[in-house]
Amino acid sequence: MRSLLVVVTALVLTLSDARCADLTRILVGFPPGQATDLVARLLAERLGPELGETVIVENRPGQGGSIVLASLAQSPADGHTLVLAPLASLVVNPHLYKSVGYNTRRDFAPVALVADLPMLLVVNPELPVKTVAELIAYAKANPEKLAHPSSGNGTLSHLGMEVFKQRAGITILHVPYRGSVPAMTDLMTGIVGVAMDTVAVTEPFIRGDKMRLIASAYGKRVAAFPDTPTVAEQGFAEVDLSAWLGIVASSATPKARVDRLGAAINRIIQPPEIAAQFAGLSAIPRDEGPAAFSAFLDSEDARWSAVVKASGLRIE
């Protein structure tokens, strides 16, 4: 009887280990329903059949996505725990916070760059500006009158405007908010005058004539507003901003597993129907695998380190 019990126990443990080996988790550092979470769920739904594994999404919000990355740095390096992370948590927070518990280039293996969430430059409709040149002229003529909101210190809605202000040579007061909703509310009422945020955040207000769109801050015109020129087209080629999203694994993950994951995700991203689903989230697919994403991370890390340093912002 005892021998039978040992055999049954061993069989249960073996089956459990097999199930665990076939389970891949995509961790998201934000609550359910936000853009990062929704993109992760689109990926998980298709990645499971592609890999022949069960793929689930787990939400672990906190510190702008940095808490979940800190946990990944301590996870087994088997490629079965992944994080879908945005620009801010990968290449801004490590330079912004005194400690985030990880070093992006040391602790993570880039797997795939999967999406861009383009940024738009908008103003209160009562502000007498319709172009980037007019906004700059107004800011220079009224240095004490103009303020811009953000969804929090260190967010792209904050640092994206810092990039624009640095390139344009203007001063606009930054007012941090707790999230995009109160920031957009105060922009509509005129408490602040100009803002930069994603298409998903700003589009409903633009279409409702609650704010005026003056430029795409992305590298190209966005599909939602094809007649609106970019900031670059209006004279500032260095302004190319999107809240991009990428998949990373633990740095010691075997290269074969990283390559397999990257290739599978690239195949998922490419079909036109995926582009349509991403468009519903105001996102643009990016199908760049481990090598391309690694090079991109290097350039973005250097870029945003310099922006944070120039802003003088540091959070304990």
C-alpha atoms as a PDB file:
ATOM      1  CA  MET A   1       0.000   0.000   0.000  1.00  0.00           C
ATOM      2  CA  ARG A   2       2.785   2.339   0.924  1.00  0.00           C
ATOM      3  CA  SER A   3       4.547   1.588  -2.375  1.00  0.00           C
ATOM      4  CA  LEU A   4       1.354   2.388  -4.275  1.00  0.00           C
ATOM      5  CA  LEU A   5       1.027   5.690  -2.430  1.00  0.00           C
ATOM      6  CA  VAL A   6       4.596   6.621  -3.347  1.00  0.00           C
ATOM      7  CA  VAL A   7       3.944   5.813  -7.015  1.00  0.00           C
ATOM      8  CA  VAL A   8       0.697   7.833  -7.085  1.00  0.00           C
ATOM      9  CA  THR A   9       2.374  10.797  -5.359  1.00  0.00           C
ATOM     10  CA  ALA A  10       5.261  10.709  -7.830  1.00  0.00           C
ATOM     11  CA  LEU A  11       2.795  10.596 -10.741  1.00  0.00           C
ATOM     12  CA  VAL A  12       0.862  13.605  -9.403  1.00  0.00           C
ATOM     13  CA  LEU A  13       4.076  15.588  -8.969  1.00  0.00           C
ATOM     14  CA  THR A  14       5.207  14.641 -12.474  1.00  0.00           C
ATOM     15  CA  LEU A  15       1.883  15.746 -13.988  1.00  0.00           C
ATOM     16  CA  SER A  16       2.024  18.961 -11.947  1.00  0.00           C
ATOM     17  CA  ASP A  17       5.545  19.693 -13.176  1.00  0.00           C
ATOM     18  CA  ALA A  18       4.424  19.041 -16.759  1.00  0.00           C
ATOM     19  CA  ARG A  19       1.525  21.447 -16.398  1.00  0.00           C
ATOM     20  CA  CYS A  20       3.848  24.094 -14.937  1.00  0.00           C
ATOM     21  CA  ALA A  21       6.298  23.578 -17.813  1.00  0.00           C
ATOM     22  CA  ASP A  22       3.446  24.230 -20.268  1.00  0.00           C
ATOM     23  CA  LEU A  23       2.284  27.379 -18.469  1.00  0.00           C
ATOM     24  CA  THR A  24       3.617  30.765 -19.557  1.00  0.00           C
ATOM     25  CA  ARG A  25       2.646  33.928 -17.706  1.00  0.00           C
ATOM     26  CA  ILE A  26       2.651  37.437 -19.155  1.00  0.00           C
ATOM     27  CA  LEU A  27       2.877  39.819 -16.211  1.00  0.00           C
ATOM     28  CA  VAL A  28       1.461  43.344 -16.540  1.00  0.00           C
ATOM     29  CA  GLY A  29       2.322  46.127 -14.100  1.00  0.00           C
ATOM     30  CA  PHE A  30      -1.013  47.916 -14.512  1.00  0.00           C
ATOM     31  CA  PRO A  31      -4.667  47.222 -13.614  1.00  0.00           C
ATOM     32  CA  PRO A  32      -7.001  45.285 -15.928  1.00  0.00           C
ATOM     33  CA  GLY A  33      -8.577  47.339 -18.707  1.00  0.00           C
ATOM     34  CA  GLN A  34      -5.652  49.663 -19.397  1.00  0.00           C
ATOM     35  CA  ALA A  35      -3.936  49.615 -22.800  1.00  0.00           C
ATOM     36  CA  THR A  36      -0.970  47.508 -21.668  1.00  0.00           C
ATOM     37  CA  ASP A  37      -3.301  44.912 -20.165  1.00  0.00           C
ATOM     38  CA  LEU A  38      -5.513  44.758 -23.262  1.00  0.00           C
ATOM     39  CA  VAL A  39      -2.536  44.312 -25.596  1.00  0.00           C
ATOM     40  CA  ALA A  40      -1.193  41.562 -23.300  1.00  0.00           C
ATOM     41  CA  ARG A  41      -4.509  39.698 -23.489  1.00  0.00           C
ATOM     42  CA  LEU A  42      -4.583  39.912 -27.287  1.00  0.00           C
ATOM     43  CA  LEU A  43      -1.081  38.441 -27.356  1.00  0.00           C
ATOM     44  CA  ALA A  44      -1.806  35.727 -24.783  1.00  0.00           C
ATOM     45  CA  GLU A  45      -4.878  34.543 -26.675  1.00  0.00           C
ATOM     46  CA  ARG A  46      -2.797  33.851 -29.780  1.00  0.00           C
ATOM     47  CA  LEU A  47       0.552  32.975 -28.225  1.00  0.00           C
ATOM     48  CA  GLY A  48      -0.826  29.874 -26.478  1.00  0.00           C
ATOM     49  CA  PRO A  49      -1.772  28.002 -29.684  1.00  0.00           C
ATOM     50  CA  GLU A  50       1.402  29.267 -31.388  1.00  0.00           C
ATOM     51  CA  LEU A  51       3.601  27.751 -28.661  1.00  0.00           C
ATOM     52  CA  GLY A  52       1.402  24.797 -27.747  1.00  0.00           C
ATOM     53  CA  GLU A  53       1.289  26.130 -24.183  1.00  0.00           C
ATOM     54  CA  THR A  54      -1.192  27.700 -21.798  1.00  0.00           C
ATOM     55  CA  VAL A  55      -0.530  31.457 -21.691  1.00  0.00           C
ATOM     56  CA  ILE A  56      -2.176  33.624 -19.041  1.00  0.00           C
ATOM     57  CA  VAL A  57      -2.013  37.291 -18.064  1.00  0.00           C
ATOM     58  CA  GLU A  58      -1.406  38.352 -14.460  1.00  0.00           C
ATOM     59  CA  ASN A  59      -1.828  41.948 -13.287  1.00  0.00           C
ATOM     60  CA  ARG A  60       0.571  43.244 -10.633  1.00  0.00           C
ATOM     61  CA  PRO A  61       0.197  47.040 -10.622  1.00  0.00           C
ATOM     62  CA  GLY A  62       2.454  49.460  -8.801  1.00  0.00           C
ATOM     63  CA  GLN A  63       5.199  52.102  -9.186  1.00  0.00           C
ATOM     64  CA  GLY A  64       4.424  52.754 -12.840  1.00  0.00           C
ATOM     65  CA  GLY A  65       5.080  49.143 -13.820  1.00  0.00           C
ATOM     66  CA  SER A  66       8.395  48.835 -11.976  1.00  0.00           C
ATOM     67  CA  ILE A  67       7.223  46.452  -9.247  1.00  0.00           C
ATOM     68  CA  VAL A  68       6.444  43.696 -11.717  1.00  0.00           C
ATOM     69  CA  LEU A  69       9.810  44.159 -13.446  1.00  0.00           C
ATOM     70  CA  ALA A  70      11.608  43.894 -10.107  1.00  0.00           C
ATOM     71  CA  SER A  71       9.830  40.570  -9.563  1.00  0.00           C
ATOM     72  CA  LEU A  72      10.870  39.376 -13.040  1.00  0.00           C
ATOM     73  CA  ALA A  73      14.505  40.070 -12.173  1.00  0.00           C
ATOM     74  CA  GLN A  74      14.126  37.466  -9.388  1.00  0.00           C
ATOM     75  CA  SER A  75      12.126  34.917 -11.432  1.00  0.00           C
ATOM     76  CA  PRO A  76      13.453  31.603 -12.797  1.00  0.00           C
ATOM     77  CA  ALA A  77      15.219  32.143 -16.104  1.00  0.00           C
ATOM     78  CA  ASP A  78      13.198  29.569 -18.028  1.00  0.00           C
ATOM     79  CA  GLY A  79      11.310  31.877 -20.360  1.00  0.00           C
ATOM     80  CA  HIS A  80       7.938  30.969 -18.893  1.00  0.00           C
ATOM     81  CA  THR A  81       7.588  34.262 -17.007  1.00  0.00           C
ATOM     82  CA  LEU A  82       7.427  37.340 -19.239  1.00  0.00           C
ATOM     83  CA  VAL A  83       6.546  40.981 -18.727  1.00  0.00           C
ATOM     84  CA  LEU A  84       4.803  43.244 -21.225  1.00  0.00           C
ATOM     85  CA  ALA A  85       6.317  46.563 -20.198  1.00  0.00           C
ATOM     86  CA  PRO A  86       6.010  50.143 -21.467  1.00  0.00           C
ATOM     87  CA  LEU A  87       8.722  52.665 -22.209  1.00  0.00           C
ATOM     88  CA  ALA A  88       8.369  54.313 -18.792  1.00  0.00           C
ATOM     89  CA  SER A  89       9.098  51.277 -16.635  1.00  0.00           C
ATOM     90  CA  LEU A  90      11.928  49.979 -18.842  1.00  0.00           C
ATOM     91  CA  VAL A  91      13.925  53.109 -19.723  1.00  0.00           C
ATOM     92  CA  VAL A  92      12.583  56.019 -17.643  1.00  0.00           C
ATOM     93  CA  ASN A  93      11.960  54.733 -14.113  1.00  0.00           C
ATOM     94  CA  PRO A  94      15.485  53.302 -13.626  1.00  0.00           C
ATOM     95  CA  HIS A  95      16.845  56.834 -14.152  1.00  0.00           C
ATOM     96  CA  LEU A  96      14.012  58.617 -12.359  1.00  0.00           C
ATOM     97  CA  TYR A  97      13.695  56.658  -9.096  1.00  0.00           C
ATOM     98  CA  LYS A  98      16.465  56.239  -6.559  1.00  0.00           C
ATOM     99  CA  SER A  99      15.884  52.482  -6.654  1.00  0.00           C
ATOM    100  CA  VAL A 100      13.557  50.290  -8.730  1.00  0.00           C
ATOM    101  CA  GLY A 101      15.135  46.922  -7.961  1.00  0.00           C
ATOM    102  CA  TYR A 102      16.421  46.169 -11.462  1.00  0.00           C
ATOM    103  CA  ASN A 103      18.745  47.258 -14.222  1.00  0.00           C
ATOM    104  CA  THR A 104      16.970  46.926 -17.573  1.00  0.00           C
ATOM    105  CA  ARG A 105      20.012  46.122 -19.710  1.00  0.00           C
ATOM    106  CA  ARG A 106      21.530  43.766 -17.136  1.00  0.00           C
ATOM    107  CA  ASP A 107      18.497  41.928 -15.790  1.00  0.00           C
ATOM    108  CA  PHE A 108      16.251  41.419 -18.838  1.00  0.00           C
ATOM    109  CA  ALA A 109      16.424  39.658 -22.180  1.00  0.00           C
ATOM    110  CA  PRO A 110      14.557  41.616 -24.878  1.00  0.00           C
ATOM    111  CA  VAL A 111      12.060  39.308 -26.604  1.00  0.00           C
ATOM    112  CA  ALA A 112       9.902  41.487 -28.865  1.00  0.00           C
ATOM    113  CA  LEU A 113       8.840  45.072 -29.423  1.00  0.00           C
ATOM    114  CA  VAL A 114       5.101  44.749 -30.009  1.00  0.00           C
ATOM    115  CA  ALA A 115       3.303  48.103 -30.187  1.00  0.00           C
ATOM    116  CA  ASP A 116       3.468  51.885 -30.330  1.00  0.00           C
ATOM    117  CA  LEU A 117       0.909  54.117 -28.616  1.00  0.00           C
ATOM    118  CA  PRO A 118       1.439  57.462 -30.401  1.00  0.00           C
ATOM    119  CA  MET A 119       1.371  60.779 -28.563  1.00  0.00           C
ATOM    120  CA  LEU A 120      -0.616  63.862 -29.622  1.00  0.00           C
ATOM    121  CA  LEU A 121      -0.105  67.551 -28.807  1.00  0.00           C
ATOM    122  CA  VAL A 122      -3.370  69.253 -27.832  1.00  0.00           C
ATOM    123  CA  VAL A 123      -4.489  72.610 -26.420  1.00  0.00           C
ATOM    124  CA  ASN A 124      -7.527  74.082 -24.751  1.00  0.00           C
ATOM    125  CA  PRO A 125      -9.815  75.281 -27.590  1.00  0.00           C
ATOM    126  CA  GLU A 126      -9.838  78.824 -26.200  1.00  0.00           C
ATOM    127  CA  LEU A 127      -6.058  79.114 -26.558  1.00  0.00           C
ATOM    128  CA  PRO A 128      -5.360  81.219 -29.691  1.00  0.00           C
ATOM    129  CA  VAL A 129      -3.034  78.691 -31.356  1.00  0.00           C
ATOM    130  CA  LYS A 130      -3.564  76.184 -34.164  1.00  0.00           C
ATOM    131  CA  THR A 131       0.001  75.187 -35.066  1.00  0.00           C
ATOM    132  CA  VAL A 132       3.251  74.318 -33.324  1.00  0.00           C
ATOM    133  CA  ALA A 133       4.771  77.640 -34.432  1.00  0.00           C
ATOM    134  CA  GLU A 134       1.843  79.560 -32.940  1.00  0.00           C
ATOM    135  CA  LEU A 135       2.113  77.600 -29.674  1.00  0.00           C
ATOM    136  CA  ILE A 136       5.813  78.403 -29.390  1.00  0.00           C
ATOM    137  CA  ALA A 137       5.205  82.082 -30.142  1.00  0.00           C
ATOM    138  CA  TYR A 138       2.430  82.200 -27.540  1.00  0.00           C
ATOM    139  CA  ALA A 139       4.597  80.493 -24.915  1.00  0.00           C
ATOM    140  CA  LYS A 140       7.441  82.946 -25.506  1.00  0.00           C
ATOM    141  CA  ALA A 141       5.097  85.930 -25.368  1.00  0.00           C
ATOM    142  CA  ASN A 142       3.289  84.671 -22.248  1.00  0.00           C
ATOM    143  CA  PRO A 143       5.954  82.900 -20.150  1.00  0.00           C
ATOM    144  CA  GLU A 144       3.905  83.047 -16.938  1.00  0.00           C
ATOM    145  CA  LYS A 145       0.500  82.131 -18.368  1.00  0.00           C
ATOM    146  CA  LEU A 146       0.906  78.657 -19.837  1.00  0.00           C
ATOM    147  CA  ALA A 147       0.922  75.352 -17.936  1.00  0.00           C
ATOM    148  CA  HIS A 148       0.783  71.721 -19.037  1.00  0.00           C
ATOM    149  CA  PRO A 149      -0.565  68.745 -17.089  1.00  0.00           C
ATOM    150  CA  SER A 150       0.673  65.185 -16.948  1.00  0.00           C
ATOM    151  CA  SER A 151      -0.646  61.934 -15.535  1.00  0.00           C
ATOM    152  CA  GLY A 152       2.211  62.019 -13.014  1.00  0.00           C
ATOM    153  CA  ASN A 153       5.885  62.878 -12.592  1.00  0.00           C
ATOM    154  CA  GLY A 154       8.047  60.868 -14.956  1.00  0.00           C
ATOM    155  CA  THR A 155       5.221  59.683 -17.199  1.00  0.00           C
ATOM    156  CA  LEU A 156       5.533  60.133 -20.949  1.00  0.00           C
ATOM    157  CA  SER A 157       2.867  62.853 -20.803  1.00  0.00           C
ATOM    158  CA  HIS A 158       5.359  64.708 -18.580  1.00  0.00           C
ATOM    159  CA  LEU A 159       8.713  63.857 -20.161  1.00  0.00           C
ATOM    160  CA  GLY A 160       7.375  64.017 -23.713  1.00  0.00           C
ATOM    161  CA  MET A 161       6.512  67.653 -23.098  1.00  0.00           C
ATOM    162  CA  GLU A 162       9.972  68.151 -21.586  1.00  0.00           C
ATOM    163  CA  VAL A 163      11.467  66.913 -24.871  1.00  0.00           C
ATOM    164  CA  PHE A 164       9.286  69.300 -26.854  1.00  0.00           C
ATOM    165  CA  LYS A 165      10.043  72.272 -24.568  1.00  0.00           C
ATOM    166  CA  GLN A 166      13.784  71.615 -24.730  1.00  0.00           C
ATOM    167  CA  ARG A 167      13.746  71.425 -28.532  1.00  0.00           C
ATOM    168  CA  ALA A 168      11.489  74.480 -28.903  1.00  0.00           C
ATOM    169  CA  GLY A 169      13.396  76.573 -26.360  1.00  0.00           C
ATOM    170  CA  ILE A 170      10.302  77.459 -24.344  1.00  0.00           C
ATOM    171  CA  THR A 171       9.237  77.365 -20.709  1.00  0.00           C
ATOM    172  CA  ILE A 172       5.849  75.952 -19.722  1.00  0.00           C
ATOM    173  CA  LEU A 173       4.942  75.134 -16.122  1.00  0.00           C
ATOM    174  CA  HIS A 174       4.456  71.415 -15.461  1.00  0.00           C
ATOM    175  CA  VAL A 175       1.512  70.411 -13.245  1.00  0.00           C
ATOM    176  CA  PRO A 176       1.487  66.697 -12.298  1.00  0.00           C
ATOM    177  CA  TYR A 177      -1.850  64.941 -11.724  1.00  0.00           C
ATOM    178  CA  ARG A 178      -2.795  61.477 -10.496  1.00  0.00           C
ATOM    179  CA  GLY A 179      -3.771  60.027 -13.836  1.00  0.00           C
ATOM    180  CA  SER A 180      -4.924  61.248 -17.230  1.00  0.00           C
ATOM    181  CA  VAL A 181      -8.587  61.849 -16.327  1.00  0.00           C
ATOM    182  CA  PRO A 182      -8.063  64.804 -13.955  1.00  0.00           C
ATOM    183  CA  ALA A 183      -5.332  66.154 -16.239  1.00  0.00           C
ATOM    184  CA  MET A 184      -7.667  66.161 -19.253  1.00  0.00           C
ATOM    185  CA  THR A 185     -10.511  67.608 -17.164  1.00  0.00           C
ATOM    186  CA  ASP A 186      -8.408  70.620 -16.213  1.00  0.00           C
ATOM    187  CA  LEU A 187      -7.232  71.035 -19.800  1.00  0.00           C
ATOM    188  CA  MET A 188     -10.849  71.182 -20.982  1.00  0.00           C
ATOM    189  CA  THR A 189     -11.742  73.791 -18.374  1.00  0.00           C
ATOM    190  CA  GLY A 190      -8.689  75.923 -19.141  1.00  0.00           C
ATOM    191  CA  ILE A 191      -6.898  75.540 -15.804  1.00  0.00           C
ATOM    192  CA  VAL A 192      -3.966  74.290 -17.898  1.00  0.00           C
ATOM    193  CA  GLY A 193      -3.510  75.160 -21.551  1.00  0.00           C
ATOM    194  CA  VAL A 194      -1.539  72.508 -23.438  1.00  0.00           C
ATOM    195  CA  ALA A 195      -0.891  68.783 -23.050  1.00  0.00           C
ATOM    196  CA  MET A 196       0.691  65.754 -24.632  1.00  0.00           C
ATOM    197  CA  ASP A 197      -0.910  62.334 -24.236  1.00  0.00           C
ATOM    198  CA  THR A 198      -1.808  59.206 -26.173  1.00  0.00           C
ATOM    199  CA  VAL A 199      -4.403  58.966 -28.916  1.00  0.00           C
ATOM    200  CA  ALA A 200      -6.533  56.733 -26.671  1.00  0.00           C
ATOM    201  CA  VAL A 201      -6.669  59.416 -23.964  1.00  0.00           C
ATOM    202  CA  THR A 202      -7.165  62.494 -26.140  1.00  0.00           C
ATOM    203  CA  GLU A 203      -9.227  61.330 -29.126  1.00  0.00           C
ATOM    204  CA  PRO A 204     -12.693  61.453 -27.454  1.00  0.00           C
ATOM    205  CA  PHE A 205     -12.074  65.024 -26.299  1.00  0.00           C
ATOM    206  CA  ILE A 206     -10.745  66.131 -29.680  1.00  0.00           C
ATOM    207  CA  ARG A 207     -13.763  64.709 -31.501  1.00  0.00           C
ATOM    208  CA  GLY A 208     -16.050  66.314 -28.944  1.00  0.00           C
ATOM    209  CA  ASP A 209     -14.415  69.729 -29.566  1.00  0.00           C
ATOM    210  CA  LYS A 210     -13.285  69.837 -25.942  1.00  0.00           C
ATOM    211  CA  MET A 211      -9.675  70.334 -26.993  1.00  0.00           C
ATOM    212  CA  ARG A 212      -7.853  71.259 -30.191  1.00  0.00           C
ATOM    213  CA  LEU A 213      -5.323  68.953 -31.838  1.00  0.00           C
ATOM    214  CA  ILE A 214      -2.342  70.850 -33.237  1.00  0.00           C
ATOM    215  CA  ALA A 215       0.131  68.058 -34.014  1.00  0.00           C
ATOM    216  CA  SER A 216       0.964  64.393 -33.866  1.00  0.00           C
ATOM    217  CA  ALA A 217       3.999  64.045 -31.603  1.00  0.00           C
ATOM    218  CA  TYR A 218       4.662  60.630 -33.182  1.00  0.00           C
ATOM    219  CA  GLY A 219       7.112  60.110 -36.047  1.00  0.00           C
ATOM    220  CA  LYS A 220       4.275  60.055 -38.562  1.00  0.00           C
ATOM    221  CA  ARG A 221       0.677  61.139 -38.886  1.00  0.00           C
ATOM    222  CA  VAL A 222      -1.754  58.924 -37.015  1.00  0.00           C
ATOM    223  CA  ALA A 223      -4.599  57.079 -38.719  1.00  0.00           C
ATOM    224  CA  ALA A 224      -7.209  58.657 -36.440  1.00  0.00           C
ATOM    225  CA  PHE A 225      -6.249  62.168 -37.625  1.00  0.00           C
ATOM    226  CA  PRO A 226      -4.520  61.793 -41.022  1.00  0.00           C
ATOM    227  CA  ASP A 227      -4.834  65.484 -41.928  1.00  0.00           C
ATOM    228  CA  THR A 228      -2.963  66.677 -38.828  1.00  0.00           C
ATOM    229  CA  PRO A 229       0.780  67.168 -39.449  1.00  0.00           C
ATOM    230  CA  THR A 230       3.423  65.901 -37.063  1.00  0.00           C
ATOM    231  CA  VAL A 231       5.591  68.048 -34.806  1.00  0.00           C
ATOM    232  CA  ALA A 232       8.482  66.997 -37.051  1.00  0.00           C
ATOM    233  CA  GLU A 233       6.666  68.265 -40.150  1.00  0.00           C
ATOM    234  CA  GLN A 234       6.235  71.554 -38.306  1.00  0.00           C
ATOM    235  CA  GLY A 235       9.958  71.978 -37.731  1.00  0.00           C
ATOM    236  CA  PHE A 236      11.132  69.691 -34.917  1.00  0.00           C
ATOM    237  CA  ALA A 237      12.411  66.400 -36.331  1.00  0.00           C
ATOM    238  CA  GLU A 238      13.730  65.217 -32.939  1.00  0.00           C
ATOM    239  CA  VAL A 239      10.206  64.924 -31.507  1.00  0.00           C
ATOM    240  CA  ASP A 240       9.035  61.343 -32.116  1.00  0.00           C
ATOM    241  CA  LEU A 241       7.123  60.047 -29.127  1.00  0.00           C
ATOM    242  CA  SER A 242       5.109  56.931 -28.412  1.00  0.00           C
ATOM    243  CA  ALA A 243       4.378  54.935 -25.280  1.00  0.00           C
ATOM    244  CA  TRP A 244       5.792  51.764 -26.832  1.00  0.00           C
ATOM    245  CA  LEU A 245       5.307  48.292 -25.344  1.00  0.00           C
ATOM    246  CA  GLY A 246       7.757  45.387 -25.358  1.00  0.00           C
ATOM    247  CA  ILE A 247       8.066  41.855 -24.003  1.00  0.00           C
ATOM    248  CA  VAL A 248      11.063  40.974 -21.826  1.00  0.00           C
ATOM    249  CA  ALA A 249      12.195  37.829 -19.999  1.00  0.00           C
ATOM    250  CA  SER A 250      14.815  37.192 -17.338  1.00  0.00           C
ATOM    251  CA  SER A 251      18.319  37.886 -18.692  1.00  0.00           C
ATOM    252  CA  ALA A 252      19.590  34.316 -18.208  1.00  0.00           C
ATOM    253  CA  THR A 253      16.763  32.794 -20.255  1.00  0.00           C
ATOM    254  CA  PRO A 254      18.219  30.375 -22.834  1.00  0.00           C
ATOM    255  CA  LYS A 255      18.680  32.048 -26.208  1.00  0.00           C
ATOM    256  CA  ALA A 256      16.722  29.294 -27.957  1.00  0.00           C
ATOM    257  CA  ARG A 257      13.676  30.051 -25.803  1.00  0.00           C
ATOM    258  CA  VAL A 258      14.014  33.820 -26.338  1.00  0.00           C
ATOM    259  CA  ASP A 259      14.318  33.336 -30.094  1.00  0.00           C
ATOM    260  CA  ARG A 260      11.314  30.995 -30.173  1.00  0.00           C
ATOM    261  CA  LEU A 261       9.186  33.465 -28.213  1.00  0.00           C
ATOM    262  CA  GLY A 262      10.294  36.393 -30.352  1.00  0.00           C
ATOM    263  CA  ALA A 263       9.516  34.569 -33.600  1.00  0.00           C
ATOM    264  CA  ALA A 264       6.100  33.458 -32.314  1.00  0.00           C
ATOM    265  CA  ILE A 265       5.157  36.973 -31.216  1.00  0.00           C
ATOM    266  CA  ASN A 266       6.314  38.424 -34.546  1.00  0.00           C
ATOM    267  CA  ARG A 267       4.060  35.957 -36.401  1.00  0.00           C
ATOM    268  CA  ILE A 268       1.130  36.959 -34.181  1.00  0.00           C
ATOM    269  CA  ILE A 269       1.640  40.691 -34.801  1.00  0.00           C
ATOM    270  CA  GLN A 270       1.800  40.609 -38.601  1.00  0.00           C
ATOM    271  CA  PRO A 271      -1.726  39.670 -39.850  1.00  0.00           C
ATOM    272  CA  PRO A 272      -3.932  42.628 -40.922  1.00  0.00           C
ATOM    273  CA  GLU A 273      -6.690  41.621 -38.497  1.00  0.00           C
ATOM    274  CA  ILE A 274      -4.264  42.155 -35.593  1.00  0.00           C
ATOM    275  CA  ALA A 275      -3.497  45.650 -36.855  1.00  0.00           C
ATOM    276  CA  ALA A 276      -7.243  46.318 -36.846  1.00  0.00           C
ATOM    277  CA  GLN A 277      -7.591  45.054 -33.282  1.00  0.00           C
ATOM    278  CA  PHE A 278      -4.608  47.123 -32.177  1.00  0.00           C
ATOM    279  CA  ALA A 279      -6.111  50.145 -33.922  1.00  0.00           C
ATOM    280  CA  GLY A 280      -9.166  49.714 -31.682  1.00  0.00           C
ATOM    281  CA  LEU A 281      -6.774  50.298 -28.768  1.00  0.00           C
ATOM    282  CA  SER A 282      -5.129  53.266 -30.566  1.00  0.00           C
ATOM    283  CA  ALA A 283      -1.974  51.145 -30.906  1.00  0.00           C
ATOM    284  CA  ILE A 284       0.260  50.398 -33.899  1.00  0.00           C
ATOM    285  CA  PRO A 285       1.862  46.917 -34.181  1.00  0.00           C
ATOM    286  CA  ARG A 286       5.659  46.606 -34.108  1.00  0.00           C
ATOM    287  CA  ASP A 287       7.103  43.237 -35.158  1.00  0.00           C
ATOM    288  CA  GLU A 288      10.724  43.494 -33.997  1.00  0.00           C
ATOM    289  CA  GLY A 289      12.392  40.447 -32.463  1.00  0.00           C
ATOM    290  CA  PRO A 290      15.142  40.008 -29.861  1.00  0.00           C
ATOM    291  CA  ALA A 291      18.077  41.539 -31.759  1.00  0.00           C
ATOM    292  CA  ALA A 292      16.187  44.572 -33.080  1.00  0.00           C
ATOM    293  CA  PHE A 293      14.466  45.166 -29.748  1.00  0.00           C
ATOM    294  CA  SER A 294      17.809  44.930 -27.916  1.00  0.00           C
ATOM    295  CA  ALA A 295      19.335  47.634 -30.145  1.00  0.00           C
ATOM    296  CA  PHE A 296      16.207  49.743 -29.742  1.00  0.00           C
ATOM    297  CA  LEU A 297      16.380  49.418 -25.937  1.00  0.00           C
ATOM    298  CA  ASP A 298      19.998  50.599 -25.965  1.00  0.00           C
ATOM    299  CA  SER A 299      19.104  53.739 -27.912  1.00  0.00           C
ATOM    300  CA  GLU A 300      15.958  54.445 -25.886  1.00  0.00           C
ATOM    301  CA  ASP A 301      17.775  53.948 -22.576  1.00  0.00           C
ATOM    302  CA  ALA A 302      20.403  56.505 -23.599  1.00  0.00           C
ATOM    303  CA  ARG A 303      17.757  58.884 -24.915  1.00  0.00           C
ATOM    304  CA  TRP A 304      15.559  58.899 -21.809  1.00  0.00           C
ATOM    305  CA  SER A 305      18.473  58.942 -19.387  1.00  0.00           C
ATOM    306  CA  ALA A 306      19.482  62.254 -20.974  1.00  0.00           C
ATOM    307  CA  VAL A 307      15.896  63.599 -20.867  1.00  0.00           C
ATOM    308  CA  VAL A 308      15.475  62.732 -17.173  1.00  0.00           C
ATOM    309  CA  LYS A 309      18.848  64.276 -16.348  1.00  0.00           C
ATOM    310  CA  ALA A 310      18.002  67.473 -18.238  1.00  0.00           C
ATOM    311  CA  SER A 311      14.645  67.712 -16.448  1.00  0.00           C
ATOM    312  CA  GLY A 312      16.362  67.660 -13.031  1.00  0.00           C
ATOM    313  CA  LEU A 313      13.647  65.325 -11.743  1.00  0.00           C
ATOM    314  CA  ARG A 314      14.508  62.660  -9.158  1.00  0.00           C
ATOM    315  CA  ILE A 315      12.063  60.597  -7.079  1.00  0.00           C
ATOM    316  CA  GLU A 316      13.085  58.901  -3.841  1.00  0.00           C
END
